């Protein structure tokens, strides 16, 4: 039985599942787990949302953050989980395992950033979905993963990409080496144009303003982007606009400032779902009620 058939069988029941995944087309030596949720009313034409966890590698919790939206809007949630043992450190998760330990460029098919598109293809092959595009949401380390994925991959499988509260960003320039920028990994100027033309949604919590701590990147390139995550989001948008002006193209990115919210993956999940599937930012009173939480 092919994995697409295995995946379809595992996703046939309603509710939560934890599905082991060996990415044979990528790096089969590093298994993942797909934490999924299928709501009542989901059909092959319903939206598919890939949800990418933060540094705690808690895909099950991030999947659960999306269950209310999944029930309300009939969404299939798939949260690929890159475990600590299999993907230790930021290099193999946040930074996509693009570079080997010695700094050499790894084969492109083994980059972590290729996993979401392969998952959509497997869902289509198994008949779980007829959709040819998906939504992608990543928070914190998953937001780092998400914007670097957008910078390095074919974007045709993505209907929407939202990144919430990344600790820092790979700037849209080929003049700085990855991960500070996008240089040295085989990208050309066309990749920058493709990235800038995509309507990337950057979610920035107005209370995500800690200036130190174990989860806040403090490498020189990150510190140069601002004292905290909220400032770094604005810096990234400014860098995108500057790159677009230099290339003579439009920058279609959107920065959504989110009042009352700090470094909170649960709240940012609800914000993204509201913006995507209801077309509105939650009311200020609702955001104030959600404020004061933290979830990596």
Protein backbone atom coordinates (compact mmCIF):
# COMPACT_ATOMS: atom_id res chain seq x y z
CA UNK A 1 0.00 0.00 0.00
CA UNK A 2 1.35 3.43 -0.92
CA UNK A 3 1.61 6.09 1.75
CA UNK A 4 -1.07 8.15 -0.01
CA UNK A 5 -3.47 5.21 0.53
CA UNK A 6 -2.29 4.81 4.13
CA UNK A 7 -2.84 8.52 4.71
CA UNK A 8 -6.32 8.41 3.20
CA UNK A 9 -7.28 5.44 5.39
CA UNK A 10 -5.94 7.14 8.52
CA UNK A 11 -7.86 10.33 7.71
CA UNK A 12 -11.16 8.60 6.94
CA UNK A 13 -12.47 8.75 10.55
CA UNK A 14 -13.52 12.05 12.05
CA UNK A 15 -11.43 13.68 14.75
CA UNK A 16 -7.78 13.66 15.77
CA UNK A 17 -5.12 11.33 14.42
CA UNK A 18 -1.34 10.97 14.86
CA UNK A 19 0.08 9.48 11.68
CA UNK A 20 3.75 8.42 11.38
CA UNK A 21 5.29 9.77 8.17
CA UNK A 22 8.49 8.61 6.51
CA UNK A 23 9.24 11.17 3.79
CA UNK A 24 10.63 8.79 1.19
CA UNK A 25 10.98 11.58 -1.36
CA UNK A 26 12.90 13.75 1.10
CA UNK A 27 14.96 12.53 4.05
CA UNK A 28 13.63 9.10 5.07
CA UNK A 29 16.20 8.85 7.85
CA UNK A 30 14.30 11.52 9.81
CA UNK A 31 10.66 10.49 10.40
CA UNK A 32 7.88 12.93 11.19
CA UNK A 33 4.45 12.66 12.77
CA UNK A 34 1.37 14.21 11.16
CA UNK A 35 -1.06 15.43 13.82
CA UNK A 36 -4.37 15.83 12.01
CA UNK A 37 -7.99 16.73 12.58
CA UNK A 38 -10.91 15.98 10.30
CA UNK A 39 -14.18 17.71 11.25
CA UNK A 40 -17.68 16.56 10.55
CA UNK A 41 -18.65 18.01 7.17
CA UNK A 42 -15.20 18.00 5.59
CA UNK A 43 -15.29 17.02 1.90
CA UNK A 44 -12.74 16.66 -0.87
CA UNK A 45 -13.44 20.29 -1.80
CA UNK A 46 -12.97 21.75 1.68
CA UNK A 47 -9.86 23.80 2.56
CA UNK A 48 -6.68 22.11 3.77
CA UNK A 49 -4.59 23.95 6.39
CA UNK A 50 -1.00 22.96 7.12
CA UNK A 51 -0.08 24.15 10.64
CA UNK A 52 3.56 24.46 11.65
CA UNK A 53 4.47 24.36 15.35
CA UNK A 54 7.00 26.41 17.28
CA UNK A 55 10.28 25.50 18.98
CA UNK A 56 8.58 23.09 21.41
CA UNK A 57 7.80 20.79 18.45
CA UNK A 58 4.25 20.48 19.78
CA UNK A 59 2.35 19.73 16.62
CA UNK A 60 -0.44 18.06 18.57
CA UNK A 61 -1.12 21.29 20.50
CA UNK A 62 -0.96 23.44 17.39
CA UNK A 63 -3.39 21.07 15.68
CA UNK A 64 -5.71 21.52 18.62
CA UNK A 65 -5.43 25.32 18.44
CA UNK A 66 -7.15 25.04 15.04
CA UNK A 67 -9.98 22.67 15.98
CA UNK A 68 -12.61 25.40 16.63
CA UNK A 69 -11.92 26.94 13.21
CA UNK A 70 -11.87 23.49 11.61
CA UNK A 71 -15.30 22.69 13.03
CA UNK A 72 -16.72 26.07 12.03
CA UNK A 73 -15.32 26.13 8.49
CA UNK A 74 -14.92 22.40 7.70
CA UNK A 75 -11.12 22.54 7.45
CA UNK A 76 -8.74 19.59 7.33
CA UNK A 77 -5.85 20.36 9.70
CA UNK A 78 -2.46 18.72 9.16
CA UNK A 79 0.36 19.63 11.56
CA UNK A 80 3.68 18.07 10.47
CA UNK A 81 5.77 17.60 13.59
CA UNK A 82 9.54 17.79 13.40
CA UNK A 83 10.59 16.07 16.63
CA UNK A 84 13.55 17.23 18.72
CA UNK A 85 15.35 13.90 18.39
CA UNK A 86 15.06 13.72 14.61
CA UNK A 87 15.45 17.45 13.92
CA UNK A 88 17.64 18.89 16.70
CA UNK A 89 18.16 22.64 16.85
CA UNK A 90 17.09 25.51 14.66
CA UNK A 91 19.35 24.45 11.80
CA UNK A 92 17.34 21.33 10.98
CA UNK A 93 13.88 22.80 11.63
CA UNK A 94 13.60 26.61 11.49
CA UNK A 95 16.33 26.79 8.86
CA UNK A 96 14.99 23.84 6.89
CA UNK A 97 18.15 21.71 7.07
CA UNK A 98 19.28 23.53 3.96
CA UNK A 99 22.91 23.46 5.09
CA UNK A 100 24.91 20.50 6.39
CA UNK A 101 26.95 20.72 9.58
CA UNK A 102 30.02 21.70 7.57
CA UNK A 103 28.12 24.52 5.84
CA UNK A 104 27.73 22.75 2.50
CA UNK A 105 24.44 22.87 0.63
CA UNK A 106 22.31 19.77 1.13
CA UNK A 107 20.28 18.26 -1.77
CA UNK A 108 17.21 20.38 -2.35
CA UNK A 109 14.78 17.46 -2.09
CA UNK A 110 15.96 16.92 1.50
CA UNK A 111 15.10 20.44 2.66
CA UNK A 112 12.33 20.55 5.24
CA UNK A 113 10.63 23.31 3.30
CA UNK A 114 9.59 20.80 0.64
CA UNK A 115 7.48 18.75 3.08
CA UNK A 116 4.21 20.78 2.94
CA UNK A 117 3.91 20.63 -0.85
CA UNK A 118 4.63 16.90 -0.81
CA UNK A 119 1.91 16.41 1.79
CA UNK A 120 -0.64 18.19 -0.39
CA UNK A 121 0.36 15.97 -3.31
CA UNK A 122 -0.10 12.87 -1.15
CA UNK A 123 -3.52 14.08 0.04
CA UNK A 124 -4.53 14.57 -3.58
CA UNK A 125 -3.16 11.18 -4.65
CA UNK A 126 -5.11 9.51 -1.85
CA UNK A 127 -8.34 11.26 -2.80
CA UNK A 128 -8.56 13.10 0.51
CA UNK A 129 -8.74 16.44 -1.29
CA UNK A 130 -9.38 17.72 -4.78
CA UNK A 131 -7.87 21.07 -3.89
CA UNK A 132 -4.69 22.02 -5.72
CA UNK A 133 -3.74 24.73 -3.22
CA UNK A 134 -3.55 24.84 0.57
CA UNK A 135 -3.33 27.32 3.42
CA UNK A 136 -0.16 27.37 5.54
CA UNK A 137 0.18 28.82 9.03
CA UNK A 138 3.35 28.82 11.11
CA UNK A 139 4.02 30.46 14.46
CA UNK A 140 7.31 31.39 16.15
CA UNK A 141 9.86 28.81 14.92
CA UNK A 142 7.12 27.67 12.54
CA UNK A 143 6.91 31.27 11.28
CA UNK A 144 10.63 31.18 10.61
CA UNK A 145 10.08 27.92 8.75
CA UNK A 146 7.14 29.42 6.84
CA UNK A 147 8.71 32.59 5.48
CA UNK A 148 11.87 30.72 4.46
CA UNK A 149 9.69 28.11 2.78
CA UNK A 150 7.96 30.90 0.87
CA UNK A 151 11.35 32.30 -0.17
CA UNK A 152 12.74 29.02 -1.47
CA UNK A 153 9.82 27.01 -2.89
CA UNK A 154 7.43 26.96 -5.80
CA UNK A 155 4.42 28.85 -4.45
CA UNK A 156 1.79 27.42 -6.78
CA UNK A 157 0.63 24.86 -4.13
CA UNK A 158 -0.17 27.67 -1.67
CA UNK A 159 -3.43 29.58 -1.57
CA UNK A 160 -2.29 31.56 1.47
CA UNK A 161 0.72 31.69 3.81
CA UNK A 162 0.64 33.36 7.23
CA UNK A 163 3.57 33.57 9.62
CA UNK A 164 3.04 34.68 13.22
CA UNK A 165 5.73 36.16 15.47
CA UNK A 166 8.92 34.73 13.90
CA UNK A 167 11.98 35.39 16.05
CA UNK A 168 13.89 36.73 13.05
CA UNK A 169 13.86 36.68 9.26
CA UNK A 170 15.99 35.76 6.27
CA UNK A 171 16.07 39.07 4.43
CA UNK A 172 15.01 39.15 0.75
CA UNK A 173 18.48 39.66 -0.67
CA UNK A 174 20.99 37.45 -2.43
CA UNK A 175 23.84 39.60 -1.09
CA UNK A 176 23.76 37.96 2.36
CA UNK A 177 24.29 34.23 2.86
CA UNK A 178 21.47 32.04 4.11
CA UNK A 179 19.94 32.18 6.69
CA UNK A 180 20.76 35.90 7.22
CA UNK A 181 19.66 36.45 3.63
CA UNK A 182 18.95 34.17 0.70
CA UNK A 183 22.38 33.98 -0.90
CA UNK A 184 24.49 30.92 -1.51
CA UNK A 185 21.70 28.34 -1.73
CA UNK A 186 21.09 28.31 -5.46
CA UNK A 187 18.40 30.98 -5.69
CA UNK A 188 18.31 33.58 -8.44
CA UNK A 189 16.65 36.98 -8.69
CA UNK A 190 13.46 35.40 -10.02
CA UNK A 191 12.98 33.72 -6.64
CA UNK A 192 12.98 37.15 -4.98
CA UNK A 193 10.42 38.41 -7.48
CA UNK A 194 8.20 35.39 -6.82
CA UNK A 195 8.44 35.88 -3.06
CA UNK A 196 7.67 39.59 -3.20
CA UNK A 197 4.69 38.99 -5.49
CA UNK A 198 3.08 36.50 -3.09
CA UNK A 199 0.54 37.95 -0.60
CA UNK A 200 2.48 36.79 2.47
CA UNK A 201 0.62 37.61 5.69
CA UNK A 202 2.91 38.60 8.57
CA UNK A 203 1.14 38.55 11.95
CA UNK A 204 2.86 40.57 14.67
CA UNK A 205 1.60 40.62 18.24
CA UNK A 206 1.85 44.11 19.67
CA UNK A 207 2.82 42.66 23.05
CA UNK A 208 5.50 40.36 21.64
CA UNK A 209 8.14 42.77 22.85
CA UNK A 210 10.48 40.83 25.13
CA UNK A 211 14.07 41.85 24.43
CA UNK A 212 15.80 38.79 25.87
CA UNK A 213 15.08 35.22 26.78
CA UNK A 214 15.88 31.67 25.67
CA UNK A 215 13.35 31.68 22.84
CA UNK A 216 14.35 35.04 21.30
CA UNK A 217 17.12 34.69 18.69
CA UNK A 218 20.12 36.81 19.66
CA UNK A 219 22.52 36.14 16.79
CA UNK A 220 23.93 39.35 15.25
CA UNK A 221 21.71 39.21 12.15
CA UNK A 222 18.60 38.86 14.32
CA UNK A 223 19.58 41.66 16.69
CA UNK A 224 20.20 43.92 13.70
CA UNK A 225 16.53 43.51 12.76
CA UNK A 226 15.28 45.04 16.01
CA UNK A 227 15.13 44.54 19.78
CA UNK A 228 12.10 42.24 19.76
CA UNK A 229 9.84 40.22 17.49
CA UNK A 230 7.33 43.00 16.95
CA UNK A 231 10.04 45.37 15.68
CA UNK A 232 11.61 42.66 13.53
CA UNK A 233 8.32 42.10 11.70
CA UNK A 234 8.25 45.75 10.66
CA UNK A 235 11.88 45.55 9.62
CA UNK A 236 11.14 42.54 7.41
CA UNK A 237 8.28 44.33 5.66
CA UNK A 238 10.51 47.36 5.10
CA UNK A 239 13.21 45.10 3.64
CA UNK A 240 10.63 43.56 1.31
CA UNK A 241 9.47 46.94 0.09
CA UNK A 242 13.04 48.08 -0.44
CA UNK A 243 13.82 44.92 -2.41
CA UNK A 244 10.70 45.39 -4.51
CA UNK A 245 11.64 48.98 -5.31
CA UNK A 246 15.13 47.89 -6.28
CA UNK A 247 13.73 45.21 -8.60
CA UNK A 248 10.97 47.41 -9.99
CA UNK A 249 8.15 45.15 -8.80
CA UNK A 250 5.34 45.39 -6.25
CA UNK A 251 5.62 43.98 -2.74
CA UNK A 252 2.31 42.26 -1.99
CA UNK A 253 3.13 41.37 1.60
CA UNK A 254 0.80 42.45 4.39
CA UNK A 255 1.80 43.14 7.97
CA UNK A 256 -1.10 42.74 10.38
CA UNK A 257 -0.41 44.25 13.79
CA UNK A 258 -2.43 42.39 16.43
CA UNK A 259 -3.36 44.40 19.55
CA UNK A 260 -3.05 42.84 23.02
CA UNK A 261 -1.40 39.64 21.81
CA UNK A 262 2.11 38.55 22.75
CA UNK A 263 3.98 35.39 21.83
CA UNK A 264 0.87 33.24 21.73
CA UNK A 265 0.44 30.50 19.15
CA UNK A 266 -3.13 29.71 20.19
CA UNK A 267 -4.30 33.33 19.82
CA UNK A 268 -2.42 33.83 16.57
CA UNK A 269 -4.01 30.66 15.19
CA UNK A 270 -7.44 32.11 15.93
CA UNK A 271 -6.44 35.44 14.36
CA UNK A 272 -5.24 33.77 11.17
CA UNK A 273 -8.40 31.66 10.93
CA UNK A 274 -10.58 34.74 11.40
CA UNK A 275 -8.72 36.74 8.75
CA UNK A 276 -8.76 33.88 6.25
CA UNK A 277 -12.19 32.38 6.70
CA UNK A 278 -14.26 35.26 8.12
CA UNK A 279 -12.44 38.17 6.48
CA UNK A 280 -12.04 40.18 9.70
CA UNK A 281 -9.63 40.76 12.55
CA UNK A 282 -11.28 39.68 15.82
CA UNK A 283 -12.80 42.54 17.80
CA UNK A 284 -10.52 44.50 20.10
CA UNK A 285 -12.44 43.30 23.15
CA UNK A 286 -11.93 39.69 22.07
CA UNK A 287 -8.20 40.22 21.49
CA UNK A 288 -7.92 41.87 24.90
CA UNK A 289 -9.53 38.80 26.47
CA UNK A 290 -7.02 36.56 24.70
CA UNK A 291 -4.03 38.72 25.68
CA UNK A 292 -1.40 37.88 28.22
CA UNK A 293 -0.74 34.31 27.12
CA UNK A 294 2.41 32.67 25.77
CA UNK A 295 2.65 29.55 23.61
CA UNK A 296 5.75 28.53 21.67
